[in-house]
Amino acid sequence: MDDHVRPVVVGVDGSAASGAAADYAAGVAHGRSLPLHLVYGYLRKLTYGAPIDPLEMAEPVADRTAARQLEEISSRLSAKWPDLQVQIQEILGEAAPELIEKSRQAELVVIGSRGRGGFTGLLLGSVSAKVAAHAYCPVVVVRPPNWSLDASSTEQVVVGVDGSSESMLALDLGSDEAARLGQSLAVIHTHSEIPAAPQDHEPTTTAQENAKALLADAVNRARGRHPDLTVRDEMVYGAGPKLTLIEASRSATLVALGSRGRGGFAGMMLGSVSQALVHHSECPVLIAHHYLDSDPETHGAPRP
């Protein structure tokens, strides 16, 4: 593979979530004419009460099913997309550090919401949470089993905007995906103030005017990027972005938002809204991290 082409990287472990992630990643890679890199990570399975040999634990033994499952996934994806370039790699150890490291040179990292090691009631696995928070490129978290990329009920990509550079990157990426899929784009901004009723003749506040201008600028940006894209804007008053975007996810192909919005602390890698969406969204969620080699002042837009 060309070293100058950034691949789409996906973490797989044989779980249903990682299978859905692989399908999603392959579709994106094929649509963008990028190579796909399948990374299979696993830890040694321990039996309760069994003695542990420290020397043996220092060198994990390969899971014999890993190579077979990687080949099966690769073959299935290649059969669906014959011209897709697929590379496979086994990781003996926790997958999160390797996926985060690979994100330095990736166009996108895709991860299932919960792998084999998760508890039944856990909505987001530890690997997914770490990668979503610390990657050096955008991350998509995919949740099975009811969601499907081909679901006829999903006809739009949703982007939440708040004026931050991360949300503008999410807007660019979301509009690109909507254009690639031939779907519409819904740009949503929430505002805490509820407008006064018309009969009250209350003047519109400066904050409300700024919110309207922010949303209008975002819509113009998306239309400028993809002139033929159908873009719908939505201002939601009196509601928080978490519940608004989770509700929107029920009828969306993808929800895209920044890794940390205007309300986040400087040291936070993942804001509260992003955390809520990766835990509770009913469709895949794109978390927009700036690319390692990008300038946040230009929003770190992906290369054409």
C-alpha atoms as a PDB file:
ATOM      1  CA  MET A   1       0.000   0.000   0.000  1.00  0.00           C
ATOM      2  CA  ASP A   2       1.087   3.547  -0.725  1.00  0.00           C
ATOM      3  CA  ASP A   3       2.618   4.994   2.440  1.00  0.00           C
ATOM      4  CA  HIS A   4       1.159   8.397   1.558  1.00  0.00           C
ATOM      5  CA  VAL A   5      -2.429   7.122   1.503  1.00  0.00           C
ATOM      6  CA  ARG A   6      -4.085   7.136   4.888  1.00  0.00           C
ATOM      7  CA  PRO A   7      -6.078   3.936   5.518  1.00  0.00           C
ATOM      8  CA  VAL A   8      -9.362   3.392   7.281  1.00  0.00           C
ATOM      9  CA  VAL A   9      -8.446   1.381  10.394  1.00  0.00           C
ATOM     10  CA  VAL A  10     -10.940  -0.877  12.138  1.00  0.00           C
ATOM     11  CA  GLY A  11     -10.573  -2.913  15.322  1.00  0.00           C
ATOM     12  CA  VAL A  12     -12.093  -6.406  15.227  1.00  0.00           C
ATOM     13  CA  ASP A  13     -12.295  -9.199  17.806  1.00  0.00           C
ATOM     14  CA  GLY A  14     -14.953 -11.564  16.507  1.00  0.00           C
ATOM     15  CA  SER A  15     -17.812  -9.841  18.350  1.00  0.00           C
ATOM     16  CA  ALA A  16     -21.028  -8.725  16.684  1.00  0.00           C
ATOM     17  CA  ALA A  17     -20.095  -5.097  17.334  1.00  0.00           C
ATOM     18  CA  SER A  18     -16.726  -5.440  15.624  1.00  0.00           C
ATOM     19  CA  GLY A  19     -18.359  -7.215  12.688  1.00  0.00           C
ATOM     20  CA  ALA A  20     -20.695  -4.251  12.209  1.00  0.00           C
ATOM     21  CA  ALA A  21     -17.688  -1.928  12.553  1.00  0.00           C
ATOM     22  CA  ALA A  22     -15.785  -3.847   9.854  1.00  0.00           C
ATOM     23  CA  ASP A  23     -18.743  -3.578   7.461  1.00  0.00           C
ATOM     24  CA  TYR A  24     -19.045   0.151   8.097  1.00  0.00           C
ATOM     25  CA  ALA A  25     -15.289   0.739   7.713  1.00  0.00           C
ATOM     26  CA  ALA A  26     -15.152  -1.232   4.469  1.00  0.00           C
ATOM     27  CA  GLY A  27     -17.997   0.829   3.019  1.00  0.00           C
ATOM     28  CA  VAL A  28     -16.229   4.079   3.883  1.00  0.00           C
ATOM     29  CA  ALA A  29     -12.858   2.839   2.595  1.00  0.00           C
ATOM     30  CA  HIS A  30     -14.382   1.679  -0.679  1.00  0.00           C
ATOM     31  CA  GLY A  31     -16.365   4.892  -1.098  1.00  0.00           C
ATOM     32  CA  ARG A  32     -13.259   7.023  -0.556  1.00  0.00           C
ATOM     33  CA  SER A  33     -10.921   4.715  -2.532  1.00  0.00           C
ATOM     34  CA  LEU A  34      -8.794   4.119   0.561  1.00  0.00           C
ATOM     35  CA  PRO A  35      -7.183   0.910   1.858  1.00  0.00           C
ATOM     36  CA  LEU A  36      -8.738  -0.901   4.817  1.00  0.00           C
ATOM     37  CA  HIS A  37      -6.617  -2.069   7.741  1.00  0.00           C
ATOM     38  CA  LEU A  38      -8.174  -4.783   9.951  1.00  0.00           C
ATOM     39  CA  VAL A  39      -6.597  -4.977  13.410  1.00  0.00           C
ATOM     40  CA  TYR A  40      -7.463  -7.981  15.592  1.00  0.00           C
ATOM     41  CA  GLY A  41      -6.573  -7.481  19.266  1.00  0.00           C
ATOM     42  CA  TYR A  42      -6.946  -9.943  22.116  1.00  0.00           C
ATOM     43  CA  LEU A  43      -5.660 -10.686  25.604  1.00  0.00           C
ATOM     44  CA  ARG A  44      -4.860 -14.081  27.120  1.00  0.00           C
ATOM     45  CA  LYS A  45      -7.920 -15.772  28.601  1.00  0.00           C
ATOM     46  CA  LEU A  46      -7.305 -16.691  32.238  1.00  0.00           C
ATOM     47  CA  THR A  47      -9.067 -19.374  34.276  1.00  0.00           C
ATOM     48  CA  TYR A  48     -10.031 -18.421  37.796  1.00  0.00           C
ATOM     49  CA  GLY A  49      -7.727 -20.051  40.320  1.00  0.00           C
ATOM     50  CA  ALA A  50      -5.185 -21.213  37.728  1.00  0.00           C
ATOM     51  CA  PRO A  51      -1.502 -20.608  38.566  1.00  0.00           C
ATOM     52  CA  ILE A  52       0.168 -17.843  36.586  1.00  0.00           C
ATOM     53  CA  ASP A  53       3.656 -18.178  35.140  1.00  0.00           C
ATOM     54  CA  PRO A  54       5.120 -14.626  34.897  1.00  0.00           C
ATOM     55  CA  LEU A  55       7.501 -15.659  32.111  1.00  0.00           C
ATOM     56  CA  GLU A  56       4.657 -17.159  30.121  1.00  0.00           C
ATOM     57  CA  MET A  57       2.502 -14.073  30.628  1.00  0.00           C
ATOM     58  CA  ALA A  58       5.291 -11.859  29.260  1.00  0.00           C
ATOM     59  CA  GLU A  59       4.810 -13.411  25.820  1.00  0.00           C
ATOM     60  CA  PRO A  60       1.096 -13.903  25.081  1.00  0.00           C
ATOM     61  CA  VAL A  61       0.262 -16.951  23.023  1.00  0.00           C
ATOM     62  CA  ALA A  62      -1.640 -16.204  19.827  1.00  0.00           C
ATOM     63  CA  ASP A  63      -5.305 -17.063  19.838  1.00  0.00           C
ATOM     64  CA  ARG A  64      -5.609 -19.805  17.228  1.00  0.00           C
ATOM     65  CA  THR A  65      -8.950 -18.446  16.057  1.00  0.00           C
ATOM     66  CA  ALA A  66      -7.623 -14.934  15.377  1.00  0.00           C
ATOM     67  CA  ALA A  67      -5.979 -15.667  12.034  1.00  0.00           C
ATOM     68  CA  ARG A  68      -8.986 -17.638  10.848  1.00  0.00           C
ATOM     69  CA  GLN A  69     -11.446 -14.924  11.818  1.00  0.00           C
ATOM     70  CA  LEU A  70      -9.302 -12.233  10.201  1.00  0.00           C
ATOM     71  CA  GLU A  71      -9.190 -14.205   6.971  1.00  0.00           C
ATOM     72  CA  GLU A  72     -12.937 -14.800   7.088  1.00  0.00           C
ATOM     73  CA  ILE A  73     -13.680 -11.094   7.602  1.00  0.00           C
ATOM     74  CA  SER A  74     -11.196 -10.098   4.905  1.00  0.00           C
ATOM     75  CA  SER A  75     -12.654 -12.607   2.432  1.00  0.00           C
ATOM     76  CA  ARG A  76     -16.215 -11.498   3.139  1.00  0.00           C
ATOM     77  CA  LEU A  77     -15.412  -7.826   2.624  1.00  0.00           C
ATOM     78  CA  SER A  78     -13.318  -8.487  -0.477  1.00  0.00           C
ATOM     79  CA  ALA A  79     -16.152 -10.503  -1.996  1.00  0.00           C
ATOM     80  CA  LYS A  80     -18.517  -7.557  -1.507  1.00  0.00           C
ATOM     81  CA  TRP A  81     -15.993  -4.965  -2.705  1.00  0.00           C
ATOM     82  CA  PRO A  82     -13.515  -6.775  -5.030  1.00  0.00           C
ATOM     83  CA  ASP A  83     -11.319  -3.714  -5.594  1.00  0.00           C
ATOM     84  CA  LEU A  84     -10.958  -2.977  -1.868  1.00  0.00           C
ATOM     85  CA  GLN A  85      -7.377  -3.211  -0.578  1.00  0.00           C
ATOM     86  CA  VAL A  86      -7.412  -5.064   2.748  1.00  0.00           C
ATOM     87  CA  GLN A  87      -4.507  -5.492   5.159  1.00  0.00           C
ATOM     88  CA  ILE A  88      -4.794  -7.646   8.298  1.00  0.00           C
ATOM     89  CA  GLN A  89      -2.817  -7.570  11.539  1.00  0.00           C
ATOM     90  CA  GLU A  90      -2.966  -9.499  14.818  1.00  0.00           C
ATOM     91  CA  ILE A  91      -2.201  -7.685  18.075  1.00  0.00           C
ATOM     92  CA  LEU A  92      -1.119  -9.812  21.039  1.00  0.00           C
ATOM     93  CA  GLY A  93      -2.334  -7.617  23.844  1.00  0.00           C
ATOM     94  CA  GLU A  94      -4.821  -4.805  24.405  1.00  0.00           C
ATOM     95  CA  ALA A  95      -5.962  -3.321  21.105  1.00  0.00           C
ATOM     96  CA  ALA A  96      -6.594   0.258  22.308  1.00  0.00           C
ATOM     97  CA  PRO A  97      -2.954   1.462  22.421  1.00  0.00           C
ATOM     98  CA  GLU A  98      -2.270   0.006  18.970  1.00  0.00           C
ATOM     99  CA  LEU A  99      -5.399   1.539  17.447  1.00  0.00           C
ATOM    100  CA  ILE A 100      -4.585   4.928  18.999  1.00  0.00           C
ATOM    101  CA  GLU A 101      -1.049   4.723  17.633  1.00  0.00           C
ATOM    102  CA  LYS A 102      -2.335   3.788  14.168  1.00  0.00           C
ATOM    103  CA  SER A 103      -4.729   6.735  14.284  1.00  0.00           C
ATOM    104  CA  ARG A 104      -1.714   9.020  13.862  1.00  0.00           C
ATOM    105  CA  GLN A 105      -1.527   7.986  10.212  1.00  0.00           C
ATOM    106  CA  ALA A 106      -5.163   7.008   9.601  1.00  0.00           C
ATOM    107  CA  GLU A 107      -7.947   8.807   7.776  1.00  0.00           C
ATOM    108  CA  LEU A 108     -10.515   7.260  10.106  1.00  0.00           C
ATOM    109  CA  VAL A 109     -10.636   4.706  12.926  1.00  0.00           C
ATOM    110  CA  VAL A 110     -13.780   2.591  13.291  1.00  0.00           C
ATOM    111  CA  ILE A 111     -14.526   0.601  16.429  1.00  0.00           C
ATOM    112  CA  GLY A 112     -17.463  -1.440  17.708  1.00  0.00           C
ATOM    113  CA  SER A 113     -19.288  -0.140  20.757  1.00  0.00           C
ATOM    114  CA  ARG A 114     -18.543  -3.217  22.866  1.00  0.00           C
ATOM    115  CA  GLY A 115     -16.288  -6.200  22.206  1.00  0.00           C
ATOM    116  CA  ARG A 116     -16.115  -9.739  23.571  1.00  0.00           C
ATOM    117  CA  GLY A 117     -14.725  -8.606  26.903  1.00  0.00           C
ATOM    118  CA  GLY A 118     -17.644  -6.336  27.798  1.00  0.00           C
ATOM    119  CA  PHE A 119     -20.321  -6.972  30.407  1.00  0.00           C
ATOM    120  CA  THR A 120     -23.871  -7.500  29.186  1.00  0.00           C
ATOM    121  CA  GLY A 121     -25.162  -4.197  30.561  1.00  0.00           C
ATOM    122  CA  LEU A 122     -22.167  -2.154  29.422  1.00  0.00           C
ATOM    123  CA  LEU A 123     -23.001   0.130  26.499  1.00  0.00           C
ATOM    124  CA  LEU A 124     -19.422   1.047  25.618  1.00  0.00           C
ATOM    125  CA  GLY A 125     -16.388  -1.193  26.037  1.00  0.00           C
ATOM    126  CA  SER A 126     -13.072  -0.054  27.464  1.00  0.00           C
ATOM    127  CA  VAL A 127     -11.270  -0.275  24.112  1.00  0.00           C
ATOM    128  CA  SER A 128     -13.990   1.761  22.377  1.00  0.00           C
ATOM    129  CA  ALA A 129     -13.959   4.393  25.124  1.00  0.00           C
ATOM    130  CA  LYS A 130     -10.171   4.786  25.041  1.00  0.00           C
ATOM    131  CA  VAL A 131      -9.971   5.039  21.262  1.00  0.00           C
ATOM    132  CA  ALA A 132     -12.916   7.464  21.060  1.00  0.00           C
ATOM    133  CA  ALA A 133     -11.265   9.718  23.644  1.00  0.00           C
ATOM    134  CA  HIS A 134      -7.609   9.612  22.615  1.00  0.00           C
ATOM    135  CA  ALA A 135      -7.370   9.025  18.841  1.00  0.00           C
ATOM    136  CA  TYR A 136      -5.402  11.409  16.629  1.00  0.00           C
ATOM    137  CA  CYS A 137      -7.999  11.321  13.841  1.00  0.00           C
ATOM    138  CA  PRO A 138     -11.797  11.087  13.606  1.00  0.00           C
ATOM    139  CA  VAL A 139     -13.376   7.980  15.135  1.00  0.00           C
ATOM    140  CA  VAL A 140     -16.654   6.217  14.332  1.00  0.00           C
ATOM    141  CA  VAL A 141     -18.239   4.076  17.052  1.00  0.00           C
ATOM    142  CA  VAL A 142     -20.660   1.496  15.608  1.00  0.00           C
ATOM    143  CA  ARG A 143     -23.326  -0.250  17.653  1.00  0.00           C
ATOM    144  CA  PRO A 144     -25.133  -3.457  16.534  1.00  0.00           C
ATOM    145  CA  PRO A 145     -27.303  -5.451  16.246  1.00  0.00           C
ATOM    146  CA  ASN A 146     -30.377  -3.514  15.161  1.00  0.00           C
ATOM    147  CA  TRP A 147     -28.599  -0.803  13.195  1.00  0.00           C
ATOM    148  CA  SER A 148     -27.806  -1.423   9.521  1.00  0.00           C
ATOM    149  CA  LEU A 149     -26.021   0.803   7.015  1.00  0.00           C
ATOM    150  CA  ASP A 150     -28.593  -0.296   4.429  1.00  0.00           C
ATOM    151  CA  ALA A 151     -31.618   0.401   6.634  1.00  0.00           C
ATOM    152  CA  SER A 152     -34.286   2.079   4.518  1.00  0.00           C
ATOM    153  CA  SER A 153     -35.551   4.096   7.481  1.00  0.00           C
ATOM    154  CA  THR A 154     -32.303   6.073   7.692  1.00  0.00           C
ATOM    155  CA  GLU A 155     -32.027   8.747   5.030  1.00  0.00           C
ATOM    156  CA  GLN A 156     -29.999  11.483   6.657  1.00  0.00           C
ATOM    157  CA  VAL A 157     -26.739  12.272   8.375  1.00  0.00           C
ATOM    158  CA  VAL A 158     -27.052  14.461  11.481  1.00  0.00           C
ATOM    159  CA  VAL A 159     -24.399  16.932  12.634  1.00  0.00           C
ATOM    160  CA  GLY A 160     -24.458  18.810  15.922  1.00  0.00           C
ATOM    161  CA  VAL A 161     -22.759  22.221  15.738  1.00  0.00           C
ATOM    162  CA  ASP A 162     -21.803  24.702  18.431  1.00  0.00           C
ATOM    163  CA  GLY A 163     -19.259  26.907  16.660  1.00  0.00           C
ATOM    164  CA  SER A 164     -16.187  25.110  18.002  1.00  0.00           C
ATOM    165  CA  SER A 165     -13.439  24.057  15.594  1.00  0.00           C
ATOM    166  CA  GLU A 166     -14.173  20.412  16.439  1.00  0.00           C
ATOM    167  CA  SER A 167     -17.825  20.792  15.463  1.00  0.00           C
ATOM    168  CA  MET A 168     -16.827  22.464  12.185  1.00  0.00           C
ATOM    169  CA  LEU A 169     -14.625  19.465  11.412  1.00  0.00           C
ATOM    170  CA  ALA A 170     -17.603  17.237  12.261  1.00  0.00           C
ATOM    171  CA  LEU A 171     -19.696  19.313   9.851  1.00  0.00           C
ATOM    172  CA  ASP A 172     -17.171  18.782   7.044  1.00  0.00           C
ATOM    173  CA  LEU A 173     -16.931  15.056   7.693  1.00  0.00           C
ATOM    174  CA  GLY A 174     -20.680  14.649   8.103  1.00  0.00           C
ATOM    175  CA  SER A 175     -21.432  16.506   4.887  1.00  0.00           C
ATOM    176  CA  ASP A 176     -18.860  14.360   3.071  1.00  0.00           C
ATOM    177  CA  GLU A 177     -20.562  11.195   4.317  1.00  0.00           C
ATOM    178  CA  ALA A 178     -24.030  12.472   3.397  1.00  0.00           C
ATOM    179  CA  ALA A 179     -22.799  13.275  -0.119  1.00  0.00           C
ATOM    180  CA  ARG A 180     -21.101   9.881  -0.444  1.00  0.00           C
ATOM    181  CA  LEU A 181     -24.243   8.046   0.664  1.00  0.00           C
ATOM    182  CA  GLY A 182     -26.576  10.202  -1.423  1.00  0.00           C
ATOM    183  CA  GLN A 183     -28.486  11.265   1.690  1.00  0.00           C
ATOM    184  CA  SER A 184     -29.547  14.597   3.148  1.00  0.00           C
ATOM    185  CA  LEU A 185     -27.766  16.447   5.942  1.00  0.00           C
ATOM    186  CA  ALA A 186     -29.471  17.752   9.079  1.00  0.00           C
ATOM    187  CA  VAL A 187     -27.491  20.468  10.902  1.00  0.00           C
ATOM    188  CA  ILE A 188     -28.685  20.910  14.482  1.00  0.00           C
ATOM    189  CA  HIS A 189     -27.873  23.601  17.028  1.00  0.00           C
ATOM    190  CA  THR A 190     -29.415  23.835  20.489  1.00  0.00           C
ATOM    191  CA  HIS A 191     -30.068  27.030  22.419  1.00  0.00           C
ATOM    192  CA  SER A 192     -31.021  27.227  26.080  1.00  0.00           C
ATOM    193  CA  GLU A 193     -33.301  30.291  25.733  1.00  0.00           C
ATOM    194  CA  ILE A 194     -36.889  29.812  24.592  1.00  0.00           C
ATOM    195  CA  PRO A 195     -38.039  32.669  22.313  1.00  0.00           C
ATOM    196  CA  ALA A 196     -40.815  34.840  23.658  1.00  0.00           C
ATOM    197  CA  ALA A 197     -44.262  34.419  22.141  1.00  0.00           C
ATOM    198  CA  PRO A 198     -44.939  36.859  19.255  1.00  0.00           C
ATOM    199  CA  GLN A 199     -47.684  38.680  21.177  1.00  0.00           C
ATOM    200  CA  ASP A 200     -45.252  39.511  23.941  1.00  0.00           C
ATOM    201  CA  HIS A 201     -43.252  41.705  21.537  1.00  0.00           C
ATOM    202  CA  GLU A 202     -40.065  40.816  23.354  1.00  0.00           C
ATOM    203  CA  PRO A 203     -36.898  41.726  21.431  1.00  0.00           C
ATOM    204  CA  THR A 204     -34.742  38.829  20.316  1.00  0.00           C
ATOM    205  CA  THR A 205     -31.648  38.571  22.500  1.00  0.00           C
ATOM    206  CA  THR A 206     -28.158  38.936  21.146  1.00  0.00           C
ATOM    207  CA  ALA A 207     -27.480  35.332  22.151  1.00  0.00           C
ATOM    208  CA  GLN A 208     -30.410  34.120  20.039  1.00  0.00           C
ATOM    209  CA  GLU A 209     -29.253  36.172  17.065  1.00  0.00           C
ATOM    210  CA  ASN A 210     -25.744  34.766  17.423  1.00  0.00           C
ATOM    211  CA  ALA A 211     -27.149  31.239  17.560  1.00  0.00           C
ATOM    212  CA  LYS A 212     -29.134  31.809  14.364  1.00  0.00           C
ATOM    213  CA  ALA A 213     -26.059  33.238  12.649  1.00  0.00           C
ATOM    214  CA  LEU A 214     -23.948  30.268  13.776  1.00  0.00           C
ATOM    215  CA  LEU A 215     -26.465  27.812  12.325  1.00  0.00           C
ATOM    216  CA  ALA A 216     -26.768  29.774   9.078  1.00  0.00           C
ATOM    217  CA  ASP A 217     -22.990  29.851   8.679  1.00  0.00           C
ATOM    218  CA  ALA A 218     -22.808  26.089   9.252  1.00  0.00           C
ATOM    219  CA  VAL A 219     -25.469  25.423   6.611  1.00  0.00           C
ATOM    220  CA  ASN A 220     -23.684  27.678   4.119  1.00  0.00           C
ATOM    221  CA  ARG A 221     -20.415  25.893   4.831  1.00  0.00           C
ATOM    222  CA  ALA A 222     -21.968  22.485   4.121  1.00  0.00           C
ATOM    223  CA  ARG A 223     -23.645  23.712   0.929  1.00  0.00           C
ATOM    224  CA  GLY A 224     -20.424  25.335  -0.217  1.00  0.00           C
ATOM    225  CA  ARG A 225     -18.597  22.049   0.266  1.00  0.00           C
ATOM    226  CA  HIS A 226     -21.265  20.017  -1.569  1.00  0.00           C
ATOM    227  CA  PRO A 227     -23.515  22.294  -3.682  1.00  0.00           C
ATOM    228  CA  ASP A 228     -25.883  19.469  -4.635  1.00  0.00           C
ATOM    229  CA  LEU A 229     -26.359  18.293  -1.049  1.00  0.00           C
ATOM    230  CA  THR A 230     -29.800  18.724   0.512  1.00  0.00           C
ATOM    231  CA  VAL A 231     -29.202  20.485   3.829  1.00  0.00           C
ATOM    232  CA  ARG A 232     -31.799  21.029   6.538  1.00  0.00           C
ATOM    233  CA  ASP A 233     -31.155  23.287   9.521  1.00  0.00           C
ATOM    234  CA  GLU A 234     -32.809  22.892  12.902  1.00  0.00           C
ATOM    235  CA  MET A 235     -32.644  25.208  15.909  1.00  0.00           C
ATOM    236  CA  VAL A 236     -33.819  23.491  19.086  1.00  0.00           C
ATOM    237  CA  TYR A 237     -34.716  25.892  21.898  1.00  0.00           C
ATOM    238  CA  GLY A 238     -34.838  25.048  25.579  1.00  0.00           C
ATOM    239  CA  ALA A 239     -33.278  21.582  25.204  1.00  0.00           C
ATOM    240  CA  GLY A 240     -29.779  20.296  25.781  1.00  0.00           C
ATOM    241  CA  PRO A 241     -27.660  18.873  22.954  1.00  0.00           C
ATOM    242  CA  LYS A 242     -27.389  15.417  24.558  1.00  0.00           C
ATOM    243  CA  LEU A 243     -31.064  14.508  24.479  1.00  0.00           C
ATOM    244  CA  THR A 244     -31.610  16.331  21.184  1.00  0.00           C
ATOM    245  CA  LEU A 245     -28.887  14.422  19.331  1.00  0.00           C
ATOM    246  CA  ILE A 246     -29.747  11.070  20.950  1.00  0.00           C
ATOM    247  CA  GLU A 247     -33.332  11.535  19.773  1.00  0.00           C
ATOM    248  CA  ALA A 248     -32.103  12.491  16.284  1.00  0.00           C
ATOM    249  CA  SER A 249     -29.968   9.332  16.163  1.00  0.00           C
ATOM    250  CA  ARG A 250     -33.119   7.192  16.050  1.00  0.00           C
ATOM    251  CA  SER A 251     -33.717   8.175  12.426  1.00  0.00           C
ATOM    252  CA  ALA A 252     -30.165   8.817  11.233  1.00  0.00           C
ATOM    253  CA  THR A 253     -27.482   6.939   9.351  1.00  0.00           C
ATOM    254  CA  LEU A 254     -24.751   8.735  11.290  1.00  0.00           C
ATOM    255  CA  VAL A 255     -24.469  11.416  13.962  1.00  0.00           C
ATOM    256  CA  ALA A 256     -21.316  13.550  13.781  1.00  0.00           C
ATOM    257  CA  LEU A 257     -20.106  15.929  16.465  1.00  0.00           C
ATOM    258  CA  GLY A 258     -16.917  17.375  17.856  1.00  0.00           C
ATOM    259  CA  SER A 259     -14.812  15.574  20.419  1.00  0.00           C
ATOM    260  CA  ARG A 260     -15.093  18.557  22.761  1.00  0.00           C
ATOM    261  CA  GLY A 261     -17.416  21.524  22.389  1.00  0.00           C
ATOM    262  CA  ARG A 262     -17.218  25.115  23.590  1.00  0.00           C
ATOM    263  CA  GLY A 263     -18.265  24.126  27.088  1.00  0.00           C
ATOM    264  CA  GLY A 264     -15.454  21.613  27.580  1.00  0.00           C
ATOM    265  CA  PHE A 265     -12.396  21.993  29.778  1.00  0.00           C
ATOM    266  CA  ALA A 266      -9.049  22.369  28.031  1.00  0.00           C
ATOM    267  CA  GLY A 267      -7.758  19.086  29.425  1.00  0.00           C
ATOM    268  CA  MET A 268     -10.780  16.994  28.470  1.00  0.00           C
ATOM    269  CA  MET A 269     -10.278  14.681  25.494  1.00  0.00           C
ATOM    270  CA  LEU A 270     -13.978  13.893  25.138  1.00  0.00           C
ATOM    271  CA  GLY A 271     -16.735  16.276  26.158  1.00  0.00           C
ATOM    272  CA  SER A 272     -19.911  15.330  28.012  1.00  0.00           C
ATOM    273  CA  VAL A 273     -22.084  15.521  24.875  1.00  0.00           C
ATOM    274  CA  SER A 274     -19.706  13.281  22.919  1.00  0.00           C
ATOM    275  CA  GLN A 275     -19.579  10.817  25.813  1.00  0.00           C
ATOM    276  CA  ALA A 276     -23.368  10.703  25.996  1.00  0.00           C
ATOM    277  CA  LEU A 277     -23.694  10.031  22.268  1.00  0.00           C
ATOM    278  CA  VAL A 278     -21.135   7.223  22.082  1.00  0.00           C
ATOM    279  CA  HIS A 279     -22.925   5.558  24.996  1.00  0.00           C
ATOM    280  CA  HIS A 280     -26.541   6.083  23.973  1.00  0.00           C
ATOM    281  CA  SER A 281     -26.819   6.857  20.257  1.00  0.00           C
ATOM    282  CA  GLU A 282     -28.952   4.435  18.255  1.00  0.00           C
ATOM    283  CA  CYS A 283     -26.805   4.802  15.116  1.00  0.00           C
ATOM    284  CA  PRO A 284     -23.044   5.086  14.476  1.00  0.00           C
ATOM    285  CA  VAL A 285     -21.406   8.170  15.985  1.00  0.00           C
ATOM    286  CA  LEU A 286     -18.523  10.082  14.420  1.00  0.00           C
ATOM    287  CA  ILE A 287     -16.306  11.863  16.948  1.00  0.00           C
ATOM    288  CA  ALA A 288     -14.303  14.558  15.153  1.00  0.00           C
ATOM    289  CA  HIS A 289     -10.738  14.751  16.425  1.00  0.00           C
ATOM    290  CA  HIS A 290      -8.420  17.052  14.505  1.00  0.00           C
ATOM    291  CA  TYR A 291      -5.875  15.210  12.401  1.00  0.00           C
ATOM    292  CA  LEU A 292      -2.424  15.129  13.933  1.00  0.00           C
ATOM    293  CA  ASP A 293      -0.954  17.145  11.040  1.00  0.00           C
ATOM    294  CA  SER A 294      -3.847  19.619  10.734  1.00  0.00           C
ATOM    295  CA  ASP A 295      -4.245  23.204  11.850  1.00  0.00           C
ATOM    296  CA  PRO A 296      -7.283  23.603  14.149  1.00  0.00           C
ATOM    297  CA  GLU A 297      -7.631  27.183  12.931  1.00  0.00           C
ATOM    298  CA  THR A 298      -8.634  25.788   9.534  1.00  0.00           C
ATOM    299  CA  HIS A 299     -10.789  23.170  11.286  1.00  0.00           C
ATOM    300  CA  GLY A 300      -8.487  20.341  10.250  1.00  0.00           C
ATOM    301  CA  ALA A 301     -10.623  19.508   7.237  1.00  0.00           C
ATOM    302  CA  PRO A 302      -9.892  16.154   5.620  1.00  0.00           C
ATOM    303  CA  ARG A 303      -7.805  16.079   2.506  1.00  0.00           C
ATOM    304  CA  PRO A 304      -9.827  16.023  -0.733  1.00  0.00           C
END
